[in-house]
ModelCIF file with pLDDT and N, C-alpha, C, O atoms, coordinates in Angstrom:
data_MODEL
#
_entry.id   MODEL 
#
_entity.id                         1 
_entity.type                       polymer 
_entity.pdbx_number_of_molecules   1 
#
_entity_poly.entity_id                      1 
_entity_poly.type                           'polypeptide(L)' 
_entity_poly.nstd_linkage                   no 
_entity_poly.nstd_monomer                   no 
_entity_poly.pdbx_seq_one_letter_code       
;(UNK)(UNK)(UNK)(UNK)(UNK)(UNK)(UNK)(UNK)(UNK)(UNK)(UNK)(UNK)(UNK)(UNK)(UNK)(UNK)
(UNK)(UNK)(UNK)(UNK)(UNK)(UNK)(UNK)(UNK)(UNK)(UNK)(UNK)(UNK)(UNK)(UNK)(UNK)(UNK)
(UNK)(UNK)(UNK)(UNK)(UNK)(UNK)
;
_entity_poly.pdbx_seq_one_letter_code_can   XXXXXXXXXXXXXXXXXXXXXXXXXXXXXXXXXXXXXX 
_entity_poly.pdbx_strand_id                 A 
#
loop_
_entity_poly_seq.entity_id 
_entity_poly_seq.num 
_entity_poly_seq.mon_id 
_entity_poly_seq.hetero 
1 1  UNK n 
1 2  UNK n 
1 3  UNK n 
1 4  UNK n 
1 5  UNK n 
1 6  UNK n 
1 7  UNK n 
1 8  UNK n 
1 9  UNK n 
1 10 UNK n 
1 11 UNK n 
1 12 UNK n 
1 13 UNK n 
1 14 UNK n 
1 15 UNK n 
1 16 UNK n 
1 17 UNK n 
1 18 UNK n 
1 19 UNK n 
1 20 UNK n 
1 21 UNK n 
1 22 UNK n 
1 23 UNK n 
1 24 UNK n 
1 25 UNK n 
1 26 UNK n 
1 27 UNK n 
1 28 UNK n 
1 29 UNK n 
1 30 UNK n 
1 31 UNK n 
1 32 UNK n 
1 33 UNK n 
1 34 UNK n 
1 35 UNK n 
1 36 UNK n 
1 37 UNK n 
1 38 UNK n 
#
_struct_asym.id          A 
_struct_asym.entity_id   1 
#
loop_
_ma_qa_metric.id 
_ma_qa_metric.mode 
_ma_qa_metric.name 
_ma_qa_metric.software_group_id 
_ma_qa_metric.type 
1 global pLDDT . pLDDT 
2 local  pLDDT . pLDDT 
#
_ma_qa_metric_global.metric_id      1 
_ma_qa_metric_global.metric_value   85.11 
_ma_qa_metric_global.model_id       1 
_ma_qa_metric_global.ordinal_id     1 
#
loop_
_ma_qa_metric_local.label_asym_id 
_ma_qa_metric_local.label_comp_id 
_ma_qa_metric_local.label_seq_id 
_ma_qa_metric_local.metric_id 
_ma_qa_metric_local.metric_value 
_ma_qa_metric_local.model_id 
_ma_qa_metric_local.ordinal_id 
A UNK 1  2 94.00 1 1  
A UNK 2  2 91.00 1 2  
A UNK 3  2 92.00 1 3  
A UNK 4  2 87.00 1 4  
A UNK 5  2 80.00 1 5  
A UNK 6  2 80.00 1 6  
A UNK 7  2 80.00 1 7  
A UNK 8  2 81.00 1 8  
A UNK 9  2 78.00 1 9  
A UNK 10 2 80.00 1 10 
A UNK 11 2 77.00 1 11 
A UNK 12 2 72.00 1 12 
A UNK 13 2 66.00 1 13 
A UNK 14 2 62.00 1 14 
A UNK 15 2 76.00 1 15 
A UNK 16 2 79.00 1 16 
A UNK 17 2 77.00 1 17 
A UNK 18 2 79.00 1 18 
A UNK 19 2 83.00 1 19 
A UNK 20 2 84.00 1 20 
A UNK 21 2 83.00 1 21 
A UNK 22 2 86.00 1 22 
A UNK 23 2 88.00 1 23 
A UNK 24 2 91.00 1 24 
A UNK 25 2 91.00 1 25 
A UNK 26 2 93.00 1 26 
A UNK 27 2 92.00 1 27 
A UNK 28 2 93.00 1 28 
A UNK 29 2 91.00 1 29 
A UNK 30 2 93.00 1 30 
A UNK 31 2 91.00 1 31 
A UNK 32 2 92.00 1 32 
A UNK 33 2 91.00 1 33 
A UNK 34 2 92.00 1 34 
A UNK 35 2 92.00 1 35 
A UNK 36 2 91.00 1 36 
A UNK 37 2 93.00 1 37 
A UNK 38 2 93.00 1 38 
#
loop_
_atom_site.group_PDB 
_atom_site.id 
_atom_site.type_symbol 
_atom_site.label_atom_id 
_atom_site.label_alt_id 
_atom_site.label_comp_id 
_atom_site.label_asym_id 
_atom_site.label_entity_id 
_atom_site.label_seq_id 
_atom_site.pdbx_PDB_ins_code 
_atom_site.Cartn_x 
_atom_site.Cartn_y 
_atom_site.Cartn_z 
_atom_site.occupancy 
_atom_site.B_iso_or_equiv 
_atom_site.pdbx_formal_charge 
_atom_site.auth_seq_id 
_atom_site.auth_comp_id 
_atom_site.auth_asym_id 
_atom_site.auth_atom_id 
_atom_site.pdbx_PDB_model_num 
ATOM 1   N N  . UNK A 1 1  ? 26.841 35.151 -14.512 1.00 94.00 ? 1  UNK A N  1 
ATOM 2   C CA . UNK A 1 1  ? 26.529 34.163 -15.176 1.00 94.00 ? 1  UNK A CA 1 
ATOM 3   C C  . UNK A 1 1  ? 27.183 33.169 -15.224 1.00 94.00 ? 1  UNK A C  1 
ATOM 4   O O  . UNK A 1 1  ? 28.312 33.346 -15.684 1.00 94.00 ? 1  UNK A O  1 
ATOM 5   N N  . UNK A 1 2  ? 26.843 31.791 -14.822 1.00 91.00 ? 2  UNK A N  1 
ATOM 6   C CA . UNK A 1 2  ? 27.700 30.615 -14.311 1.00 91.00 ? 2  UNK A CA 1 
ATOM 7   C C  . UNK A 1 2  ? 26.802 29.274 -14.581 1.00 91.00 ? 2  UNK A C  1 
ATOM 8   O O  . UNK A 1 2  ? 25.600 29.147 -14.344 1.00 91.00 ? 2  UNK A O  1 
ATOM 9   N N  . UNK A 1 3  ? 27.704 28.298 -15.142 1.00 92.00 ? 3  UNK A N  1 
ATOM 10  C CA . UNK A 1 3  ? 27.115 27.339 -15.388 1.00 92.00 ? 3  UNK A CA 1 
ATOM 11  C C  . UNK A 1 3  ? 27.814 26.121 -14.177 1.00 92.00 ? 3  UNK A C  1 
ATOM 12  O O  . UNK A 1 3  ? 28.999 25.930 -13.907 1.00 92.00 ? 3  UNK A O  1 
ATOM 13  N N  . UNK A 1 4  ? 26.910 25.621 -13.769 1.00 87.00 ? 4  UNK A N  1 
ATOM 14  C CA . UNK A 1 4  ? 27.348 24.546 -12.599 1.00 87.00 ? 4  UNK A CA 1 
ATOM 15  C C  . UNK A 1 4  ? 26.667 22.980 -12.771 1.00 87.00 ? 4  UNK A C  1 
ATOM 16  O O  . UNK A 1 4  ? 25.505 22.723 -13.087 1.00 87.00 ? 4  UNK A O  1 
ATOM 17  N N  . UNK A 1 5  ? 27.545 22.219 -12.524 1.00 80.00 ? 5  UNK A N  1 
ATOM 18  C CA . UNK A 1 5  ? 27.081 20.648 -12.274 1.00 80.00 ? 5  UNK A CA 1 
ATOM 19  C C  . UNK A 1 5  ? 25.724 20.515 -11.444 1.00 80.00 ? 5  UNK A C  1 
ATOM 20  O O  . UNK A 1 5  ? 24.894 19.667 -11.773 1.00 80.00 ? 5  UNK A O  1 
ATOM 21  N N  . UNK A 1 6  ? 25.516 21.368 -10.361 1.00 80.00 ? 6  UNK A N  1 
ATOM 22  C CA . UNK A 1 6  ? 24.378 21.107 -9.784  1.00 80.00 ? 6  UNK A CA 1 
ATOM 23  C C  . UNK A 1 6  ? 24.130 22.324 -8.662  1.00 80.00 ? 6  UNK A C  1 
ATOM 24  O O  . UNK A 1 6  ? 25.114 22.947 -8.261  1.00 80.00 ? 6  UNK A O  1 
ATOM 25  N N  . UNK A 1 7  ? 23.041 22.588 -8.256  1.00 80.00 ? 7  UNK A N  1 
ATOM 26  C CA . UNK A 1 7  ? 22.870 23.665 -7.262  1.00 80.00 ? 7  UNK A CA 1 
ATOM 27  C C  . UNK A 1 7  ? 23.962 23.834 -6.212  1.00 80.00 ? 7  UNK A C  1 
ATOM 28  O O  . UNK A 1 7  ? 24.769 24.752 -6.065  1.00 80.00 ? 7  UNK A O  1 
ATOM 29  N N  . UNK A 1 8  ? 23.731 22.436 -5.349  1.00 81.00 ? 8  UNK A N  1 
ATOM 30  C CA . UNK A 1 8  ? 24.969 22.590 -4.471  1.00 81.00 ? 8  UNK A CA 1 
ATOM 31  C C  . UNK A 1 8  ? 26.159 22.798 -4.459  1.00 81.00 ? 8  UNK A C  1 
ATOM 32  O O  . UNK A 1 8  ? 26.747 23.252 -3.477  1.00 81.00 ? 8  UNK A O  1 
ATOM 33  N N  . UNK A 1 9  ? 26.760 22.467 -5.663  1.00 78.00 ? 9  UNK A N  1 
ATOM 34  C CA . UNK A 1 9  ? 28.248 23.246 -6.167  1.00 78.00 ? 9  UNK A CA 1 
ATOM 35  C C  . UNK A 1 9  ? 28.042 24.650 -6.051  1.00 78.00 ? 9  UNK A C  1 
ATOM 36  O O  . UNK A 1 9  ? 28.942 25.222 -5.437  1.00 78.00 ? 9  UNK A O  1 
ATOM 37  N N  . UNK A 1 10 ? 27.097 25.382 -6.474  1.00 80.00 ? 10 UNK A N  1 
ATOM 38  C CA . UNK A 1 10 ? 27.044 26.572 -6.675  1.00 80.00 ? 10 UNK A CA 1 
ATOM 39  C C  . UNK A 1 10 ? 26.860 27.442 -5.285  1.00 80.00 ? 10 UNK A C  1 
ATOM 40  O O  . UNK A 1 10 ? 27.422 28.529 -5.150  1.00 80.00 ? 10 UNK A O  1 
ATOM 41  N N  . UNK A 1 11 ? 25.879 26.766 -4.090  1.00 77.00 ? 11 UNK A N  1 
ATOM 42  C CA . UNK A 1 11 ? 25.871 27.380 -3.197  1.00 77.00 ? 11 UNK A CA 1 
ATOM 43  C C  . UNK A 1 11 ? 27.112 26.847 -2.071  1.00 77.00 ? 11 UNK A C  1 
ATOM 44  O O  . UNK A 1 11 ? 27.190 27.238 -0.907  1.00 77.00 ? 11 UNK A O  1 
ATOM 45  N N  . UNK A 1 12 ? 27.895 26.020 -2.630  1.00 72.00 ? 12 UNK A N  1 
ATOM 46  C CA . UNK A 1 12 ? 29.025 25.642 -1.761  1.00 72.00 ? 12 UNK A CA 1 
ATOM 47  C C  . UNK A 1 12 ? 30.372 26.343 -2.269  1.00 72.00 ? 12 UNK A C  1 
ATOM 48  O O  . UNK A 1 12 ? 31.529 26.192 -1.878  1.00 72.00 ? 12 UNK A O  1 
ATOM 49  N N  . UNK A 1 13 ? 29.894 27.072 -3.163  1.00 66.00 ? 13 UNK A N  1 
ATOM 50  C CA . UNK A 1 13 ? 31.577 28.128 -3.479  1.00 66.00 ? 13 UNK A CA 1 
ATOM 51  C C  . UNK A 1 13 ? 31.559 29.098 -2.474  1.00 66.00 ? 13 UNK A C  1 
ATOM 52  O O  . UNK A 1 13 ? 31.111 30.231 -2.649  1.00 66.00 ? 13 UNK A O  1 
ATOM 53  N N  . UNK A 1 14 ? 32.100 28.630 -1.279  1.00 62.00 ? 14 UNK A N  1 
ATOM 54  C CA . UNK A 1 14 ? 32.266 29.868 -0.372  1.00 62.00 ? 14 UNK A CA 1 
ATOM 55  C C  . UNK A 1 14 ? 32.872 30.921 -0.112  1.00 62.00 ? 14 UNK A C  1 
ATOM 56  O O  . UNK A 1 14 ? 32.757 31.564 0.931   1.00 62.00 ? 14 UNK A O  1 
ATOM 57  N N  . UNK A 1 15 ? 33.672 31.219 -1.181  1.00 76.00 ? 15 UNK A N  1 
ATOM 58  C CA . UNK A 1 15 ? 34.222 32.402 -1.044  1.00 76.00 ? 15 UNK A CA 1 
ATOM 59  C C  . UNK A 1 15 ? 33.241 33.586 -1.636  1.00 76.00 ? 15 UNK A C  1 
ATOM 60  O O  . UNK A 1 15 ? 33.145 34.697 -1.115  1.00 76.00 ? 15 UNK A O  1 
ATOM 61  N N  . UNK A 1 16 ? 32.471 33.127 -2.906  1.00 79.00 ? 16 UNK A N  1 
ATOM 62  C CA . UNK A 1 16 ? 31.710 34.050 -3.420  1.00 79.00 ? 16 UNK A CA 1 
ATOM 63  C C  . UNK A 1 16 ? 30.492 34.463 -2.759  1.00 79.00 ? 16 UNK A C  1 
ATOM 64  O O  . UNK A 1 16 ? 30.036 35.605 -2.698  1.00 79.00 ? 16 UNK A O  1 
ATOM 65  N N  . UNK A 1 17 ? 29.897 33.116 -2.142  1.00 77.00 ? 17 UNK A N  1 
ATOM 66  C CA . UNK A 1 17 ? 28.830 33.302 -1.236  1.00 77.00 ? 17 UNK A CA 1 
ATOM 67  C C  . UNK A 1 17 ? 29.101 33.941 -0.125  1.00 77.00 ? 17 UNK A C  1 
ATOM 68  O O  . UNK A 1 17 ? 28.198 34.667 0.290   1.00 77.00 ? 17 UNK A O  1 
ATOM 69  N N  . UNK A 1 18 ? 30.287 33.880 0.618   1.00 79.00 ? 18 UNK A N  1 
ATOM 70  C CA . UNK A 1 18 ? 30.553 34.722 1.842   1.00 79.00 ? 18 UNK A CA 1 
ATOM 71  C C  . UNK A 1 18 ? 30.830 36.163 1.460   1.00 79.00 ? 18 UNK A C  1 
ATOM 72  O O  . UNK A 1 18 ? 30.490 37.074 2.215   1.00 79.00 ? 18 UNK A O  1 
ATOM 73  N N  . UNK A 1 19 ? 31.477 36.404 0.234   1.00 83.00 ? 19 UNK A N  1 
ATOM 74  C CA . UNK A 1 19 ? 31.622 37.774 -0.218  1.00 83.00 ? 19 UNK A CA 1 
ATOM 75  C C  . UNK A 1 19 ? 30.288 38.516 -0.381  1.00 83.00 ? 19 UNK A C  1 
ATOM 76  O O  . UNK A 1 19 ? 30.075 39.649 0.052   1.00 83.00 ? 19 UNK A O  1 
ATOM 77  N N  . UNK A 1 20 ? 29.628 37.939 -0.889  1.00 84.00 ? 20 UNK A N  1 
ATOM 78  C CA . UNK A 1 20 ? 27.922 38.456 -1.364  1.00 84.00 ? 20 UNK A CA 1 
ATOM 79  C C  . UNK A 1 20 ? 27.325 38.940 0.159   1.00 84.00 ? 20 UNK A C  1 
ATOM 80  O O  . UNK A 1 20 ? 26.829 40.054 0.327   1.00 84.00 ? 20 UNK A O  1 
ATOM 81  N N  . UNK A 1 21 ? 27.439 38.033 1.121   1.00 83.00 ? 21 UNK A N  1 
ATOM 82  C CA . UNK A 1 21 ? 26.562 37.742 2.151   1.00 83.00 ? 21 UNK A CA 1 
ATOM 83  C C  . UNK A 1 21 ? 27.341 39.327 3.025   1.00 83.00 ? 21 UNK A C  1 
ATOM 84  O O  . UNK A 1 21 ? 26.753 40.070 3.811   1.00 83.00 ? 21 UNK A O  1 
ATOM 85  N N  . UNK A 1 22 ? 28.794 39.445 2.538   1.00 86.00 ? 22 UNK A N  1 
ATOM 86  C CA . UNK A 1 22 ? 29.281 40.267 3.438   1.00 86.00 ? 22 UNK A CA 1 
ATOM 87  C C  . UNK A 1 22 ? 29.186 42.062 3.035   1.00 86.00 ? 22 UNK A C  1 
ATOM 88  O O  . UNK A 1 22 ? 29.259 43.073 3.734   1.00 86.00 ? 22 UNK A O  1 
ATOM 89  N N  . UNK A 1 23 ? 29.031 41.874 1.869   1.00 88.00 ? 23 UNK A N  1 
ATOM 90  C CA . UNK A 1 23 ? 29.303 43.235 1.087   1.00 88.00 ? 23 UNK A CA 1 
ATOM 91  C C  . UNK A 1 23 ? 27.777 43.511 0.236   1.00 88.00 ? 23 UNK A C  1 
ATOM 92  O O  . UNK A 1 23 ? 27.557 44.672 -0.111  1.00 88.00 ? 23 UNK A O  1 
ATOM 93  N N  . UNK A 1 24 ? 26.848 42.553 -0.056  1.00 91.00 ? 24 UNK A N  1 
ATOM 94  C CA . UNK A 1 24 ? 25.666 43.278 -0.551  1.00 91.00 ? 24 UNK A CA 1 
ATOM 95  C C  . UNK A 1 24 ? 24.505 43.336 0.405   1.00 91.00 ? 24 UNK A C  1 
ATOM 96  O O  . UNK A 1 24 ? 24.252 42.621 1.375   1.00 91.00 ? 24 UNK A O  1 
ATOM 97  N N  . UNK A 1 25 ? 23.853 44.375 -0.115  1.00 91.00 ? 25 UNK A N  1 
ATOM 98  C CA . UNK A 1 25 ? 22.718 44.406 0.547   1.00 91.00 ? 25 UNK A CA 1 
ATOM 99  C C  . UNK A 1 25 ? 21.309 43.948 -0.044  1.00 91.00 ? 25 UNK A C  1 
ATOM 100 O O  . UNK A 1 25 ? 20.235 44.063 0.546   1.00 91.00 ? 25 UNK A O  1 
ATOM 101 N N  . UNK A 1 26 ? 21.505 43.405 -1.322  1.00 93.00 ? 26 UNK A N  1 
ATOM 102 C CA . UNK A 1 26 ? 20.586 42.761 -2.392  1.00 93.00 ? 26 UNK A CA 1 
ATOM 103 C C  . UNK A 1 26 ? 21.095 41.847 -3.310  1.00 93.00 ? 26 UNK A C  1 
ATOM 104 O O  . UNK A 1 26 ? 22.070 42.029 -4.040  1.00 93.00 ? 26 UNK A O  1 
ATOM 105 N N  . UNK A 1 27 ? 20.296 40.718 -3.232  1.00 92.00 ? 27 UNK A N  1 
ATOM 106 C CA . UNK A 1 27 ? 20.826 39.711 -4.389  1.00 92.00 ? 27 UNK A CA 1 
ATOM 107 C C  . UNK A 1 27 ? 19.703 38.562 -4.761  1.00 92.00 ? 27 UNK A C  1 
ATOM 108 O O  . UNK A 1 27 ? 19.132 37.697 -4.096  1.00 92.00 ? 27 UNK A O  1 
ATOM 109 N N  . UNK A 1 28 ? 19.665 38.954 -6.092  1.00 93.00 ? 28 UNK A N  1 
ATOM 110 C CA . UNK A 1 28 ? 18.743 38.091 -7.046  1.00 93.00 ? 28 UNK A CA 1 
ATOM 111 C C  . UNK A 1 28 ? 19.469 36.993 -7.681  1.00 93.00 ? 28 UNK A C  1 
ATOM 112 O O  . UNK A 1 28 ? 20.339 37.213 -8.524  1.00 93.00 ? 28 UNK A O  1 
ATOM 113 N N  . UNK A 1 29 ? 19.101 35.675 -7.259  1.00 91.00 ? 29 UNK A N  1 
ATOM 114 C CA . UNK A 1 29 ? 19.667 34.680 -8.007  1.00 91.00 ? 29 UNK A CA 1 
ATOM 115 C C  . UNK A 1 29 ? 18.234 33.846 -8.544  1.00 91.00 ? 29 UNK A C  1 
ATOM 116 O O  . UNK A 1 29 ? 17.180 33.580 -7.965  1.00 91.00 ? 29 UNK A O  1 
ATOM 117 N N  . UNK A 1 30 ? 18.780 33.553 -10.058 1.00 93.00 ? 30 UNK A N  1 
ATOM 118 C CA . UNK A 1 30 ? 17.494 32.940 -10.767 1.00 93.00 ? 30 UNK A CA 1 
ATOM 119 C C  . UNK A 1 30 ? 18.356 31.542 -11.114 1.00 93.00 ? 30 UNK A C  1 
ATOM 120 O O  . UNK A 1 30 ? 19.563 31.762 -11.212 1.00 93.00 ? 30 UNK A O  1 
ATOM 121 N N  . UNK A 1 31 ? 17.906 29.962 -11.344 1.00 91.00 ? 31 UNK A N  1 
ATOM 122 C CA . UNK A 1 31 ? 18.046 28.752 -11.285 1.00 91.00 ? 31 UNK A CA 1 
ATOM 123 C C  . UNK A 1 31 ? 17.181 28.628 -12.795 1.00 91.00 ? 31 UNK A C  1 
ATOM 124 O O  . UNK A 1 31 ? 16.055 29.041 -13.071 1.00 91.00 ? 31 UNK A O  1 
ATOM 125 N N  . UNK A 1 32 ? 18.047 27.991 -13.528 1.00 92.00 ? 32 UNK A N  1 
ATOM 126 C CA . UNK A 1 32 ? 17.821 27.974 -15.000 1.00 92.00 ? 32 UNK A CA 1 
ATOM 127 C C  . UNK A 1 32 ? 18.117 26.644 -15.773 1.00 92.00 ? 32 UNK A C  1 
ATOM 128 O O  . UNK A 1 32 ? 19.163 26.074 -15.464 1.00 92.00 ? 32 UNK A O  1 
ATOM 129 N N  . UNK A 1 33 ? 17.366 26.103 -16.692 1.00 91.00 ? 33 UNK A N  1 
ATOM 130 C CA . UNK A 1 33 ? 17.937 24.765 -17.381 1.00 91.00 ? 33 UNK A CA 1 
ATOM 131 C C  . UNK A 1 33 ? 17.917 25.544 -18.787 1.00 91.00 ? 33 UNK A C  1 
ATOM 132 O O  . UNK A 1 33 ? 17.078 26.424 -18.981 1.00 91.00 ? 33 UNK A O  1 
ATOM 133 N N  . UNK A 1 34 ? 18.945 25.164 -19.845 1.00 92.00 ? 34 UNK A N  1 
ATOM 134 C CA . UNK A 1 34 ? 19.127 25.619 -21.228 1.00 92.00 ? 34 UNK A CA 1 
ATOM 135 C C  . UNK A 1 34 ? 18.195 24.615 -21.764 1.00 92.00 ? 34 UNK A C  1 
ATOM 136 O O  . UNK A 1 34 ? 18.342 23.398 -21.651 1.00 92.00 ? 34 UNK A O  1 
ATOM 137 N N  . UNK A 1 35 ? 17.113 25.284 -22.425 1.00 92.00 ? 35 UNK A N  1 
ATOM 138 C CA . UNK A 1 35 ? 16.450 24.617 -23.556 1.00 92.00 ? 35 UNK A CA 1 
ATOM 139 C C  . UNK A 1 35 ? 16.651 24.745 -24.986 1.00 92.00 ? 35 UNK A C  1 
ATOM 140 O O  . UNK A 1 35 ? 15.905 24.036 -25.661 1.00 92.00 ? 35 UNK A O  1 
ATOM 141 N N  . UNK A 1 36 ? 17.913 25.864 -25.949 1.00 91.00 ? 36 UNK A N  1 
ATOM 142 C CA . UNK A 1 36 ? 18.230 25.728 -26.588 1.00 91.00 ? 36 UNK A CA 1 
ATOM 143 C C  . UNK A 1 36 ? 19.399 27.102 -26.740 1.00 91.00 ? 36 UNK A C  1 
ATOM 144 O O  . UNK A 1 36 ? 19.445 28.040 -25.944 1.00 91.00 ? 36 UNK A O  1 
ATOM 145 N N  . UNK A 1 37 ? 20.063 26.981 -27.643 1.00 93.00 ? 37 UNK A N  1 
ATOM 146 C CA . UNK A 1 37 ? 21.254 27.819 -27.730 1.00 93.00 ? 37 UNK A CA 1 
ATOM 147 C C  . UNK A 1 37 ? 21.668 27.846 -29.047 1.00 93.00 ? 37 UNK A C  1 
ATOM 148 O O  . UNK A 1 37 ? 21.598 26.797 -29.689 1.00 93.00 ? 37 UNK A O  1 
ATOM 149 N N  . UNK A 1 38 ? 22.094 28.868 -29.577 1.00 93.00 ? 38 UNK A N  1 
ATOM 150 C CA . UNK A 1 38 ? 22.838 29.030 -30.878 1.00 93.00 ? 38 UNK A CA 1 
ATOM 151 C C  . UNK A 1 38 ? 23.910 30.212 -30.785 1.00 93.00 ? 38 UNK A C  1 
ATOM 152 O O  . UNK A 1 38 ? 24.612 30.486 -31.758 1.00 93.00 ? 38 UNK A O  1 
#
């Protein structure tokens, strides 16, 4: 779970992205906008 300034920043996180591409056989990503929180 991570909070980023925008989608591009997340996708350009090269180390984690390359790690996932190398070692995972399945990945599910959800992009969301907070509505409320307490």
